[in-house]
Each structure stands twice: as C-alpha cells, then as structure tokens.
Amino acid sequence: MAIGDELMANNQMGGHYDVVLALGLPSGSYRVKNLKDSYEQYFTQRQFVNFGYTGQKYTLNIVEAIVAPQAYASVVPILDRLEKYPRVLIIDIGGGTVDFMELLNGEPTANVLKSLPWGTIKMYEQITEYFDNIGDPVSESAIDDVLLSRLSVMKAEKQEIIYSMASAYINDLIKAIKARGYPISDDYVVFTGGGSILFEGGSGNIRS
C-alpha cells in the first residue's frame, strides 16, 4: 500500500517499475549485529512483486533495499538547513522508544545510535491510570484532543490535569536525556516523531 500510494502521488499509474526501497530501523536496532543485513534481505527476497491497488495493476522490480536509522528519514527534507551546523542531535520520540542519532556537518554518524524505552506510551498509561483510579476513565483519543487543542467537550479541570501530567512527562524526559549525557543545551537539536508534537503543545498549552 505504501509503495502504491507513493507511485500514485507521483502520477505513476499501473505498470512496471524498478524500485529502490528506503527502509528505517530504530536507532538502537540499527546497531544490532546482522539485523540491518537480514532486514534488507527480507525485503529483497522476492525480486518481482505483482499487486493491484485502487484499480491499478503494478509489477515491481525490487532493485535494492537501503536501510538507515528511521530518525534520519524525518530530517532528509531539511538537510540543507542542518548542514550549516557542525553537530546536530536528532531525538525521535515514538510510542515505545525515544531514539537518538547524530549528524556531523549534515552527515549521519554511528557515534550516537541508541533507543531507550521512554516513549509516549508511558505518558498515556500514567494519565489513563490516574483517571481510572478516580473512577473517571479517559480514552487516548480524548487525551490527544486535549493535547493537540482539538475541539473537546471535556471539563476544563480534567483538561488541566492532562496538561499537567503531559508537562511532567516532557520535563522528566528532558531530565533523563540530560542525565544520559546528551548535550541538548549545547547542540542544535531536532525533535521528531509523533511524540515531538507535545513539545509544540498544540496552541502552547504544554509547559516545559
């Protein structure tokens, strides 16, 4: 589906195409011995792939698979802006993990490639557990509505608690990053991934 979407987005309708797959692994997994190679081999085990998508028929020739740390893919569109900084730290905040990687003069290095279990799942669990304990359950989608400043009929007092707990998660995350020795005060830092939107705080509601 992803390849079909990409082809159609570039006005490439049904037909035969040579494809180079750009694949991502979490930073910590990228350093695991042989995992990168086995990941590439998995996606190239079938050289030719035939499928139909939205009424179009495709034949793909999988020419090559290239694996990179997934955080890198998120900054490729802005590399021209990052190349002027001697060192850039990328912090990819996902659901399960927070991944780290480094760019030196715009080039990725293997110096900082780690994945740590500090993802936003912990924040959602803390918030939902709190409201479960007081007998006023809240869903993750309702939490998202509040944090992203979407229309919500939730009581203001309940929203304020969610803001406060999300702020605490962000502050704890920053402290944990600093405690690990990552110089986020000295380097140019790019926060990416789904959890990074918490640092924007929708309309500025999250305090950090």
N, C-alpha and C. Protein backbone atom coordinates (compact mmCIF):
# COMPACT_ATOMS: atom_id res chain seq x y z
N MET A 1 0.82 -1.21 0.00
CA MET A 1 0.00 0.00 0.00
C MET A 1 0.86 1.26 0.00
N ALA A 2 1.95 1.24 0.78
CA ALA A 2 2.81 2.41 0.85
C ALA A 2 3.45 2.70 -0.51
N ILE A 3 3.91 1.65 -1.17
CA ILE A 3 4.52 1.84 -2.49
C ILE A 3 3.46 2.32 -3.49
N GLY A 4 2.27 1.73 -3.43
CA GLY A 4 1.20 2.17 -4.31
C GLY A 4 0.85 3.63 -4.09
N ASP A 5 0.76 4.04 -2.83
CA ASP A 5 0.48 5.45 -2.52
C ASP A 5 1.56 6.36 -3.08
N GLU A 6 2.82 5.95 -2.91
CA GLU A 6 3.94 6.77 -3.38
C GLU A 6 3.93 6.90 -4.89
N LEU A 7 3.67 5.81 -5.58
CA LEU A 7 3.62 5.85 -7.04
C LEU A 7 2.49 6.76 -7.53
N MET A 8 1.31 6.60 -6.93
CA MET A 8 0.17 7.40 -7.36
C MET A 8 0.37 8.88 -7.03
N ALA A 9 1.05 9.16 -5.89
CA ALA A 9 1.32 10.56 -5.53
C ALA A 9 2.22 11.23 -6.55
N ASN A 10 3.01 10.40 -7.27
CA ASN A 10 3.90 10.93 -8.30
C ASN A 10 3.35 10.67 -9.70
N ASN A 11 2.02 10.46 -9.76
CA ASN A 11 1.32 10.28 -11.04
C ASN A 11 1.84 9.09 -11.84
N GLN A 12 2.32 8.07 -11.12
CA GLN A 12 2.76 6.84 -11.77
C GLN A 12 1.66 5.81 -11.62
N MET A 13 0.84 5.65 -12.63
CA MET A 13 -0.26 4.72 -12.57
C MET A 13 0.23 3.30 -12.89
N GLY A 14 -0.70 2.36 -13.01
CA GLY A 14 -0.33 0.97 -13.19
C GLY A 14 0.74 0.75 -14.24
N GLY A 15 1.59 -0.26 -14.00
CA GLY A 15 2.65 -0.56 -14.94
C GLY A 15 3.80 -1.27 -14.25
N HIS A 16 4.96 -1.30 -14.92
CA HIS A 16 6.15 -1.97 -14.43
C HIS A 16 7.14 -0.91 -13.96
N TYR A 17 7.65 -1.08 -12.72
CA TYR A 17 8.56 -0.08 -12.16
C TYR A 17 9.72 -0.76 -11.45
N ASP A 18 10.92 -0.18 -11.63
CA ASP A 18 12.08 -0.56 -10.82
C ASP A 18 12.03 0.26 -9.54
N VAL A 19 12.20 -0.41 -8.41
CA VAL A 19 12.02 0.26 -7.12
C VAL A 19 13.24 0.04 -6.23
N VAL A 20 13.71 1.12 -5.62
CA VAL A 20 14.70 1.04 -4.55
C VAL A 20 13.97 1.37 -3.26
N LEU A 21 13.96 0.43 -2.32
CA LEU A 21 13.26 0.62 -1.06
C LEU A 21 14.16 1.34 -0.06
N ALA A 22 13.64 2.39 0.52
CA ALA A 22 14.32 3.09 1.61
C ALA A 22 13.66 2.66 2.92
N LEU A 23 14.38 1.92 3.74
CA LEU A 23 13.82 1.32 4.94
C LEU A 23 14.43 1.94 6.19
N GLY A 24 13.66 1.96 7.27
CA GLY A 24 14.15 2.53 8.51
C GLY A 24 14.10 1.54 9.65
N LEU A 25 15.10 1.58 10.51
CA LEU A 25 15.13 0.82 11.75
C LEU A 25 15.32 1.79 12.91
N PRO A 26 14.76 1.49 14.08
CA PRO A 26 15.08 2.31 15.25
C PRO A 26 16.58 2.37 15.46
N SER A 27 17.05 3.48 15.97
CA SER A 27 18.50 3.69 16.09
C SER A 27 19.19 2.56 16.84
N GLY A 28 18.60 2.11 17.95
CA GLY A 28 19.22 1.03 18.71
C GLY A 28 19.27 -0.27 17.92
N SER A 29 18.22 -0.57 17.17
CA SER A 29 18.17 -1.79 16.38
C SER A 29 19.16 -1.75 15.22
N TYR A 30 19.43 -0.55 14.72
CA TYR A 30 20.33 -0.40 13.58
C TYR A 30 21.73 -0.92 13.90
N ARG A 31 22.09 -0.86 15.17
CA ARG A 31 23.44 -1.28 15.57
C ARG A 31 23.52 -2.76 15.92
N VAL A 32 22.38 -3.44 15.97
CA VAL A 32 22.39 -4.86 16.31
C VAL A 32 23.05 -5.66 15.19
N LYS A 33 23.99 -6.48 15.56
CA LYS A 33 24.76 -7.24 14.57
C LYS A 33 23.86 -8.05 13.65
N ASN A 34 24.06 -7.92 12.36
CA ASN A 34 23.38 -8.67 11.30
C ASN A 34 21.91 -8.28 11.10
N LEU A 35 21.33 -7.45 11.98
CA LEU A 35 19.92 -7.12 11.82
C LEU A 35 19.69 -6.29 10.57
N LYS A 36 20.55 -5.32 10.32
CA LYS A 36 20.42 -4.48 9.13
C LYS A 36 20.45 -5.34 7.86
N ASP A 37 21.40 -6.28 7.78
CA ASP A 37 21.51 -7.13 6.59
C ASP A 37 20.30 -8.03 6.43
N SER A 38 19.82 -8.62 7.54
CA SER A 38 18.67 -9.51 7.45
C SER A 38 17.41 -8.74 7.08
N TYR A 39 17.34 -7.48 7.52
CA TYR A 39 16.19 -6.62 7.18
C TYR A 39 16.18 -6.35 5.68
N GLU A 40 17.34 -6.03 5.12
CA GLU A 40 17.45 -5.80 3.68
C GLU A 40 17.09 -7.07 2.91
N GLN A 41 17.60 -8.20 3.38
CA GLN A 41 17.35 -9.47 2.69
C GLN A 41 15.87 -9.83 2.71
N TYR A 42 15.20 -9.52 3.81
CA TYR A 42 13.77 -9.84 3.90
C TYR A 42 12.98 -9.12 2.81
N PHE A 43 13.31 -7.85 2.57
CA PHE A 43 12.55 -7.06 1.61
C PHE A 43 13.00 -7.28 0.17
N THR A 44 14.09 -7.98 -0.02
CA THR A 44 14.56 -8.23 -1.39
C THR A 44 14.45 -9.71 -1.75
N GLN A 45 13.82 -10.52 -0.87
CA GLN A 45 13.75 -11.96 -1.15
C GLN A 45 12.86 -12.26 -2.35
N ARG A 46 11.90 -11.38 -2.63
CA ARG A 46 11.09 -11.51 -3.84
C ARG A 46 11.43 -10.33 -4.75
N GLN A 47 12.16 -10.62 -5.81
CA GLN A 47 12.59 -9.53 -6.67
C GLN A 47 11.42 -8.89 -7.39
N PHE A 48 10.48 -9.71 -7.85
CA PHE A 48 9.33 -9.19 -8.58
C PHE A 48 8.06 -9.34 -7.73
N VAL A 49 7.31 -8.27 -7.65
CA VAL A 49 6.08 -8.25 -6.87
C VAL A 49 4.95 -7.74 -7.74
N ASN A 50 3.87 -8.50 -7.83
CA ASN A 50 2.69 -8.08 -8.59
C ASN A 50 1.54 -7.81 -7.62
N PHE A 51 0.88 -6.69 -7.79
CA PHE A 51 -0.26 -6.39 -6.92
C PHE A 51 -1.18 -5.38 -7.58
N GLY A 52 -2.41 -5.36 -7.09
CA GLY A 52 -3.38 -4.38 -7.55
C GLY A 52 -3.69 -3.39 -6.44
N TYR A 53 -3.88 -2.13 -6.80
CA TYR A 53 -4.14 -1.10 -5.80
C TYR A 53 -5.01 -0.01 -6.42
N THR A 54 -6.14 0.24 -5.80
CA THR A 54 -7.12 1.25 -6.26
C THR A 54 -7.41 1.11 -7.76
N GLY A 55 -7.58 -0.13 -8.19
CA GLY A 55 -7.94 -0.37 -9.59
C GLY A 55 -6.78 -0.40 -10.55
N GLN A 56 -5.56 -0.17 -10.05
CA GLN A 56 -4.37 -0.18 -10.90
C GLN A 56 -3.57 -1.46 -10.66
N LYS A 57 -2.96 -2.01 -11.71
CA LYS A 57 -2.13 -3.20 -11.58
C LYS A 57 -0.66 -2.82 -11.72
N TYR A 58 0.14 -3.28 -10.76
CA TYR A 58 1.56 -2.92 -10.72
C TYR A 58 2.43 -4.17 -10.74
N THR A 59 3.58 -4.05 -11.38
CA THR A 59 4.65 -5.03 -11.29
C THR A 59 5.90 -4.29 -10.85
N LEU A 60 6.43 -4.70 -9.71
CA LEU A 60 7.61 -4.03 -9.16
C LEU A 60 8.83 -4.93 -9.29
N ASN A 61 9.92 -4.34 -9.70
CA ASN A 61 11.22 -5.00 -9.68
C ASN A 61 12.00 -4.37 -8.52
N ILE A 62 12.14 -5.12 -7.41
CA ILE A 62 12.84 -4.61 -6.24
C ILE A 62 14.33 -4.65 -6.52
N VAL A 63 14.88 -3.53 -6.93
CA VAL A 63 16.28 -3.46 -7.34
C VAL A 63 17.21 -3.50 -6.14
N GLU A 64 16.84 -2.80 -5.07
CA GLU A 64 17.73 -2.68 -3.91
C GLU A 64 16.92 -2.24 -2.70
N ALA A 65 17.41 -2.59 -1.52
CA ALA A 65 16.84 -2.09 -0.27
C ALA A 65 17.95 -1.43 0.53
N ILE A 66 17.71 -0.20 0.94
CA ILE A 66 18.70 0.56 1.70
C ILE A 66 18.12 0.85 3.08
N VAL A 67 18.85 0.46 4.12
CA VAL A 67 18.38 0.64 5.49
C VAL A 67 19.14 1.77 6.15
N ALA A 68 18.41 2.64 6.82
CA ALA A 68 19.01 3.75 7.57
C ALA A 68 18.28 3.89 8.89
N PRO A 69 18.89 4.55 9.88
CA PRO A 69 18.15 4.83 11.11
C PRO A 69 16.90 5.63 10.78
N GLN A 70 15.75 5.24 11.32
CA GLN A 70 14.49 5.85 10.88
C GLN A 70 14.41 7.34 11.23
N ALA A 71 15.12 7.78 12.24
CA ALA A 71 15.11 9.20 12.57
C ALA A 71 15.70 10.03 11.43
N TYR A 72 16.63 9.44 10.69
CA TYR A 72 17.28 10.18 9.60
C TYR A 72 16.29 10.55 8.52
N ALA A 73 15.36 9.63 8.22
CA ALA A 73 14.38 9.89 7.16
C ALA A 73 13.56 11.14 7.45
N SER A 74 13.31 11.39 8.73
CA SER A 74 12.45 12.52 9.09
C SER A 74 13.12 13.87 8.85
N VAL A 75 14.47 13.89 8.77
CA VAL A 75 15.15 15.18 8.59
C VAL A 75 15.72 15.35 7.19
N VAL A 76 15.61 14.33 6.36
CA VAL A 76 16.13 14.45 4.99
C VAL A 76 15.57 15.67 4.26
N PRO A 77 14.26 15.97 4.40
CA PRO A 77 13.74 17.16 3.69
C PRO A 77 14.34 18.49 4.15
N ILE A 78 14.98 18.51 5.33
CA ILE A 78 15.54 19.78 5.81
C ILE A 78 17.05 19.71 5.97
N LEU A 79 17.70 18.76 5.30
CA LEU A 79 19.14 18.60 5.44
C LEU A 79 19.89 19.87 5.04
N ASP A 80 19.37 20.58 4.03
CA ASP A 80 20.06 21.79 3.60
C ASP A 80 20.12 22.83 4.70
N ARG A 81 19.16 22.80 5.62
CA ARG A 81 19.17 23.72 6.76
C ARG A 81 20.07 23.23 7.87
N LEU A 82 20.27 21.92 7.96
CA LEU A 82 21.05 21.35 9.06
C LEU A 82 22.54 21.28 8.77
N GLU A 83 22.90 21.29 7.48
CA GLU A 83 24.30 21.12 7.11
C GLU A 83 25.20 22.23 7.63
N LYS A 84 24.63 23.38 7.92
CA LYS A 84 25.46 24.50 8.37
C LYS A 84 25.87 24.37 9.84
N TYR A 85 25.23 23.43 10.56
CA TYR A 85 25.58 23.22 11.97
C TYR A 85 26.62 22.11 12.08
N PRO A 86 27.70 22.35 12.83
CA PRO A 86 28.74 21.30 12.95
C PRO A 86 28.19 19.99 13.51
N ARG A 87 27.28 20.09 14.49
CA ARG A 87 26.72 18.88 15.10
C ARG A 87 25.24 19.08 15.36
N VAL A 88 24.46 18.08 14.95
CA VAL A 88 23.02 18.10 15.18
C VAL A 88 22.63 16.82 15.89
N LEU A 89 21.86 16.95 16.94
CA LEU A 89 21.34 15.79 17.65
C LEU A 89 19.87 15.63 17.29
N ILE A 90 19.50 14.45 16.78
CA ILE A 90 18.11 14.16 16.42
C ILE A 90 17.52 13.28 17.51
N ILE A 91 16.40 13.70 18.06
CA ILE A 91 15.70 12.95 19.10
C ILE A 91 14.32 12.58 18.56
N ASP A 92 14.14 11.31 18.28
CA ASP A 92 12.91 10.78 17.66
C ASP A 92 12.03 10.18 18.75
N ILE A 93 10.93 10.87 19.07
CA ILE A 93 10.06 10.44 20.16
C ILE A 93 8.91 9.62 19.59
N GLY A 94 8.94 8.33 19.84
CA GLY A 94 7.88 7.45 19.36
C GLY A 94 6.99 6.97 20.49
N GLY A 95 6.17 5.98 20.21
CA GLY A 95 5.28 5.46 21.23
C GLY A 95 6.02 4.63 22.26
N GLY A 96 6.89 3.72 21.79
CA GLY A 96 7.59 2.84 22.72
C GLY A 96 8.97 3.31 23.11
N THR A 97 9.66 3.96 22.18
CA THR A 97 11.04 4.35 22.44
C THR A 97 11.31 5.80 22.07
N VAL A 98 12.42 6.31 22.60
CA VAL A 98 12.99 7.57 22.14
C VAL A 98 14.34 7.21 21.53
N ASP A 99 14.51 7.55 20.26
CA ASP A 99 15.72 7.19 19.52
C ASP A 99 16.60 8.41 19.32
N PHE A 100 17.92 8.18 19.35
CA PHE A 100 18.88 9.26 19.21
C PHE A 100 19.82 8.97 18.04
N MET A 101 20.17 9.99 17.31
CA MET A 101 21.23 9.88 16.32
C MET A 101 21.87 11.24 16.12
N GLU A 102 23.04 11.23 15.50
CA GLU A 102 23.85 12.43 15.37
C GLU A 102 24.18 12.71 13.91
N LEU A 103 24.21 14.00 13.55
CA LEU A 103 24.71 14.43 12.26
C LEU A 103 25.93 15.32 12.49
N LEU A 104 27.00 15.09 11.73
CA LEU A 104 28.16 15.97 11.74
C LEU A 104 28.26 16.61 10.37
N ASN A 105 28.07 17.92 10.33
CA ASN A 105 28.07 18.66 9.06
C ASN A 105 27.07 18.05 8.08
N GLY A 106 25.92 17.63 8.60
CA GLY A 106 24.85 17.11 7.76
C GLY A 106 24.95 15.63 7.45
N GLU A 107 26.02 14.96 7.89
CA GLU A 107 26.21 13.54 7.59
C GLU A 107 25.92 12.69 8.84
N PRO A 108 25.15 11.61 8.70
CA PRO A 108 24.87 10.75 9.86
C PRO A 108 26.12 10.00 10.30
N THR A 109 26.25 9.81 11.60
CA THR A 109 27.37 9.06 12.15
C THR A 109 26.84 7.91 12.99
N ALA A 110 27.74 7.03 13.39
CA ALA A 110 27.39 5.92 14.27
C ALA A 110 27.77 6.22 15.72
N ASN A 111 28.16 7.46 15.99
CA ASN A 111 28.60 7.82 17.34
C ASN A 111 27.45 7.75 18.34
N VAL A 112 26.29 8.23 17.93
CA VAL A 112 25.12 8.25 18.81
C VAL A 112 23.98 7.53 18.09
N LEU A 113 23.79 6.28 18.41
CA LEU A 113 22.69 5.49 17.85
C LEU A 113 22.12 4.64 18.98
N LYS A 114 21.12 5.18 19.63
CA LYS A 114 20.55 4.48 20.78
C LYS A 114 19.03 4.57 20.76
N SER A 115 18.39 3.58 21.35
CA SER A 115 16.94 3.57 21.56
C SER A 115 16.70 3.29 23.03
N LEU A 116 15.92 4.15 23.67
CA LEU A 116 15.64 3.99 25.09
C LEU A 116 14.13 3.98 25.32
N PRO A 117 13.65 3.20 26.30
CA PRO A 117 12.20 2.99 26.47
C PRO A 117 11.49 4.13 27.19
N TRP A 118 11.55 5.31 26.57
CA TRP A 118 10.94 6.49 27.18
C TRP A 118 9.81 7.04 26.32
N GLY A 119 9.20 6.22 25.48
CA GLY A 119 8.19 6.70 24.54
C GLY A 119 6.92 7.19 25.22
N THR A 120 6.03 7.77 24.42
CA THR A 120 4.83 8.41 24.96
C THR A 120 3.82 7.41 25.52
N ILE A 121 4.01 6.11 25.27
CA ILE A 121 3.11 5.11 25.87
C ILE A 121 3.10 5.28 27.39
N LYS A 122 4.27 5.59 27.95
CA LYS A 122 4.36 5.77 29.40
C LYS A 122 3.46 6.92 29.85
N MET A 123 3.46 8.00 29.08
CA MET A 123 2.63 9.15 29.44
C MET A 123 1.14 8.79 29.39
N TYR A 124 0.72 8.13 28.30
CA TYR A 124 -0.68 7.74 28.18
C TYR A 124 -1.09 6.79 29.31
N GLU A 125 -0.21 5.86 29.66
CA GLU A 125 -0.51 4.92 30.74
C GLU A 125 -0.68 5.65 32.06
N GLN A 126 0.18 6.62 32.32
CA GLN A 126 0.10 7.38 33.57
C GLN A 126 -1.21 8.17 33.65
N ILE A 127 -1.59 8.79 32.54
CA ILE A 127 -2.80 9.61 32.54
C ILE A 127 -4.04 8.73 32.67
N THR A 128 -4.11 7.66 31.86
CA THR A 128 -5.31 6.81 31.92
C THR A 128 -5.42 6.11 33.28
N GLU A 129 -4.27 5.70 33.85
CA GLU A 129 -4.30 5.05 35.16
C GLU A 129 -4.80 6.01 36.24
N TYR A 130 -4.37 7.27 36.15
CA TYR A 130 -4.82 8.26 37.14
C TYR A 130 -6.34 8.40 37.11
N PHE A 131 -6.90 8.55 35.92
CA PHE A 131 -8.34 8.76 35.83
C PHE A 131 -9.13 7.48 36.11
N ASP A 132 -8.53 6.32 35.79
CA ASP A 132 -9.18 5.05 36.17
C ASP A 132 -9.30 4.95 37.69
N ASN A 133 -8.25 5.36 38.38
CA ASN A 133 -8.22 5.24 39.84
C ASN A 133 -9.24 6.15 40.53
N ILE A 134 -9.60 7.26 39.87
CA ILE A 134 -10.58 8.15 40.49
C ILE A 134 -11.98 7.92 39.92
N GLY A 135 -12.11 6.85 39.11
CA GLY A 135 -13.42 6.49 38.58
C GLY A 135 -13.94 7.39 37.49
N ASP A 136 -13.03 8.01 36.73
CA ASP A 136 -13.43 8.91 35.64
C ASP A 136 -12.57 8.61 34.41
N PRO A 137 -12.78 7.43 33.78
CA PRO A 137 -11.89 6.98 32.70
C PRO A 137 -11.81 7.98 31.54
N VAL A 138 -10.67 7.95 30.86
CA VAL A 138 -10.44 8.79 29.70
C VAL A 138 -9.75 7.96 28.64
N SER A 139 -10.12 8.17 27.37
CA SER A 139 -9.52 7.42 26.28
C SER A 139 -8.28 8.15 25.75
N GLU A 140 -7.41 7.39 25.06
CA GLU A 140 -6.22 8.02 24.48
C GLU A 140 -6.60 9.04 23.43
N SER A 141 -7.66 8.78 22.67
CA SER A 141 -8.07 9.73 21.63
C SER A 141 -8.55 11.04 22.27
N ALA A 142 -9.21 10.94 23.43
CA ALA A 142 -9.65 12.15 24.13
C ALA A 142 -8.46 12.92 24.66
N ILE A 143 -7.42 12.20 25.10
CA ILE A 143 -6.19 12.85 25.55
C ILE A 143 -5.55 13.60 24.39
N ASP A 144 -5.52 12.95 23.21
CA ASP A 144 -4.97 13.61 22.03
C ASP A 144 -5.74 14.88 21.69
N ASP A 145 -7.07 14.83 21.80
CA ASP A 145 -7.88 16.01 21.50
C ASP A 145 -7.46 17.18 22.37
N VAL A 146 -7.20 16.90 23.64
CA VAL A 146 -6.80 17.96 24.57
C VAL A 146 -5.41 18.48 24.24
N LEU A 147 -4.44 17.57 24.09
CA LEU A 147 -3.05 17.97 23.89
C LEU A 147 -2.83 18.65 22.54
N LEU A 148 -3.63 18.30 21.55
CA LEU A 148 -3.48 18.90 20.22
C LEU A 148 -4.44 20.05 20.01
N SER A 149 -5.10 20.47 21.08
CA SER A 149 -6.00 21.62 21.04
C SER A 149 -7.12 21.45 20.02
N ARG A 150 -7.58 20.19 19.90
CA ARG A 150 -8.75 19.95 19.06
C ARG A 150 -10.02 20.17 19.88
N LEU A 151 -11.14 20.31 19.19
CA LEU A 151 -12.41 20.57 19.86
C LEU A 151 -12.70 19.46 20.86
N SER A 152 -12.97 19.83 22.10
CA SER A 152 -13.24 18.87 23.15
C SER A 152 -14.30 19.43 24.10
N VAL A 153 -15.20 18.54 24.54
CA VAL A 153 -16.22 18.95 25.50
C VAL A 153 -15.82 18.56 26.92
N MET A 154 -14.59 18.09 27.09
CA MET A 154 -14.11 17.68 28.40
C MET A 154 -14.08 18.88 29.35
N LYS A 155 -14.37 18.62 30.61
CA LYS A 155 -14.35 19.67 31.61
C LYS A 155 -12.96 20.30 31.70
N ALA A 156 -12.94 21.60 31.95
CA ALA A 156 -11.67 22.33 31.99
C ALA A 156 -10.73 21.77 33.06
N GLU A 157 -11.29 21.36 34.21
CA GLU A 157 -10.47 20.84 35.30
C GLU A 157 -9.75 19.56 34.86
N LYS A 158 -10.47 18.71 34.12
CA LYS A 158 -9.88 17.46 33.65
C LYS A 158 -8.81 17.73 32.60
N GLN A 159 -9.07 18.69 31.72
CA GLN A 159 -8.07 19.06 30.72
C GLN A 159 -6.80 19.57 31.39
N GLU A 160 -6.95 20.36 32.44
CA GLU A 160 -5.80 20.92 33.12
C GLU A 160 -4.93 19.82 33.74
N ILE A 161 -5.57 18.78 34.26
CA ILE A 161 -4.81 17.66 34.81
C ILE A 161 -4.01 16.97 33.70
N ILE A 162 -4.63 16.78 32.54
CA ILE A 162 -3.95 16.16 31.41
C ILE A 162 -2.77 17.00 30.97
N TYR A 163 -2.96 18.33 30.86
CA TYR A 163 -1.86 19.22 30.52
C TYR A 163 -0.71 19.08 31.51
N SER A 164 -1.07 19.06 32.79
CA SER A 164 -0.07 19.00 33.85
C SER A 164 0.73 17.71 33.79
N MET A 165 0.04 16.58 33.56
CA MET A 165 0.73 15.30 33.51
C MET A 165 1.59 15.18 32.25
N ALA A 166 1.12 15.74 31.15
CA ALA A 166 1.92 15.73 29.92
C ALA A 166 3.16 16.59 30.09
N SER A 167 3.02 17.73 30.77
CA SER A 167 4.16 18.59 31.03
C SER A 167 5.18 17.87 31.90
N ALA A 168 4.69 17.13 32.90
CA ALA A 168 5.59 16.37 33.77
C ALA A 168 6.35 15.32 32.97
N TYR A 169 5.66 14.66 32.03
CA TYR A 169 6.33 13.67 31.17
C TYR A 169 7.45 14.33 30.37
N ILE A 170 7.17 15.49 29.78
CA ILE A 170 8.17 16.18 28.96
C ILE A 170 9.37 16.58 29.81
N ASN A 171 9.10 17.15 30.98
CA ASN A 171 10.20 17.58 31.84
C ASN A 171 11.03 16.40 32.32
N ASP A 172 10.37 15.28 32.64
CA ASP A 172 11.10 14.08 33.05
C ASP A 172 11.94 13.54 31.89
N LEU A 173 11.38 13.62 30.68
CA LEU A 173 12.11 13.15 29.50
C LEU A 173 13.36 13.99 29.27
N ILE A 174 13.24 15.30 29.38
CA ILE A 174 14.40 16.18 29.20
C ILE A 174 15.46 15.90 30.26
N LYS A 175 15.03 15.72 31.50
CA LYS A 175 15.98 15.40 32.57
C LYS A 175 16.69 14.09 32.29
N ALA A 176 15.94 13.08 31.82
CA ALA A 176 16.53 11.77 31.53
C ALA A 176 17.54 11.87 30.38
N ILE A 177 17.21 12.68 29.38
CA ILE A 177 18.12 12.86 28.25
C ILE A 177 19.41 13.51 28.72
N LYS A 178 19.29 14.55 29.53
CA LYS A 178 20.48 15.24 30.05
C LYS A 178 21.30 14.32 30.95
N ALA A 179 20.59 13.50 31.76
CA ALA A 179 21.30 12.60 32.67
C ALA A 179 22.11 11.56 31.93
N ARG A 180 21.69 11.24 30.70
CA ARG A 180 22.43 10.29 29.87
C ARG A 180 23.64 10.94 29.20
N GLY A 181 23.79 12.24 29.38
CA GLY A 181 24.95 12.91 28.82
C GLY A 181 24.77 13.48 27.44
N TYR A 182 23.53 13.52 26.95
CA TYR A 182 23.30 14.12 25.64
C TYR A 182 23.26 15.64 25.78
N PRO A 183 24.12 16.35 25.07
CA PRO A 183 24.26 17.80 25.27
C PRO A 183 23.17 18.61 24.57
N ILE A 184 21.93 18.48 25.01
CA ILE A 184 20.85 19.16 24.30
C ILE A 184 20.87 20.67 24.55
N SER A 185 21.68 21.12 25.50
CA SER A 185 21.78 22.56 25.72
C SER A 185 22.84 23.19 24.84
N ASP A 186 23.74 22.38 24.29
CA ASP A 186 24.88 22.90 23.53
C ASP A 186 24.78 22.66 22.02
N ASP A 187 24.06 21.62 21.62
CA ASP A 187 23.97 21.29 20.20
C ASP A 187 22.65 21.79 19.61
N TYR A 188 22.61 21.81 18.28
CA TYR A 188 21.35 22.06 17.59
C TYR A 188 20.56 20.77 17.65
N VAL A 189 19.37 20.82 18.24
CA VAL A 189 18.57 19.62 18.48
C VAL A 189 17.30 19.65 17.65
N VAL A 190 17.01 18.54 16.99
CA VAL A 190 15.77 18.39 16.23
C VAL A 190 14.94 17.31 16.91
N PHE A 191 13.75 17.69 17.38
CA PHE A 191 12.81 16.70 17.92
C PHE A 191 11.89 16.26 16.79
N THR A 192 11.75 14.96 16.61
CA THR A 192 10.92 14.43 15.54
C THR A 192 10.11 13.25 16.08
N GLY A 193 9.30 12.64 15.23
CA GLY A 193 8.44 11.54 15.67
C GLY A 193 7.11 12.05 16.18
N GLY A 194 6.16 11.12 16.31
CA GLY A 194 4.81 11.50 16.72
C GLY A 194 4.76 12.21 18.06
N GLY A 195 5.62 11.79 19.01
CA GLY A 195 5.59 12.41 20.33
C GLY A 195 6.15 13.82 20.37
N SER A 196 6.88 14.20 19.34
CA SER A 196 7.52 15.52 19.36
C SER A 196 6.51 16.66 19.32
N ILE A 197 5.29 16.35 18.86
CA ILE A 197 4.27 17.40 18.80
C ILE A 197 3.91 17.91 20.19
N LEU A 198 4.21 17.10 21.21
CA LEU A 198 3.96 17.54 22.58
C LEU A 198 4.83 18.74 22.95
N PHE A 199 5.99 18.85 22.30
CA PHE A 199 6.87 19.97 22.59
C PHE A 199 6.32 21.26 22.01
N GLU A 200 5.47 21.13 20.99
CA GLU A 200 4.79 22.31 20.47
C GLU A 200 3.57 22.63 21.32
N GLY A 201 2.98 21.59 21.87
CA GLY A 201 1.86 21.79 22.78
C GLY A 201 0.63 22.35 22.12
N GLY A 202 0.36 21.95 20.86
CA GLY A 202 -0.84 22.43 20.19
C GLY A 202 -0.81 23.93 20.11
N SER A 203 -1.60 24.61 20.94
CA SER A 203 -1.63 26.07 20.95
C SER A 203 -0.81 26.63 22.09
N GLY A 204 0.23 25.91 22.46
CA GLY A 204 1.11 26.40 23.51
C GLY A 204 0.64 26.03 24.90
N ASN A 205 -0.15 24.96 25.01
CA ASN A 205 -0.71 24.59 26.31
C ASN A 205 0.25 23.77 27.16
N ILE A 206 1.19 23.07 26.52
CA ILE A 206 2.10 22.26 27.29
C ILE A 206 3.25 23.14 27.77
N ARG A 207 3.53 23.05 29.05
CA ARG A 207 4.61 23.84 29.61
C ARG A 207 5.83 22.95 29.83
N SER A 208 6.96 23.37 29.33
CA SER A 208 8.19 22.59 29.55
C SER A 208 9.37 23.55 29.65
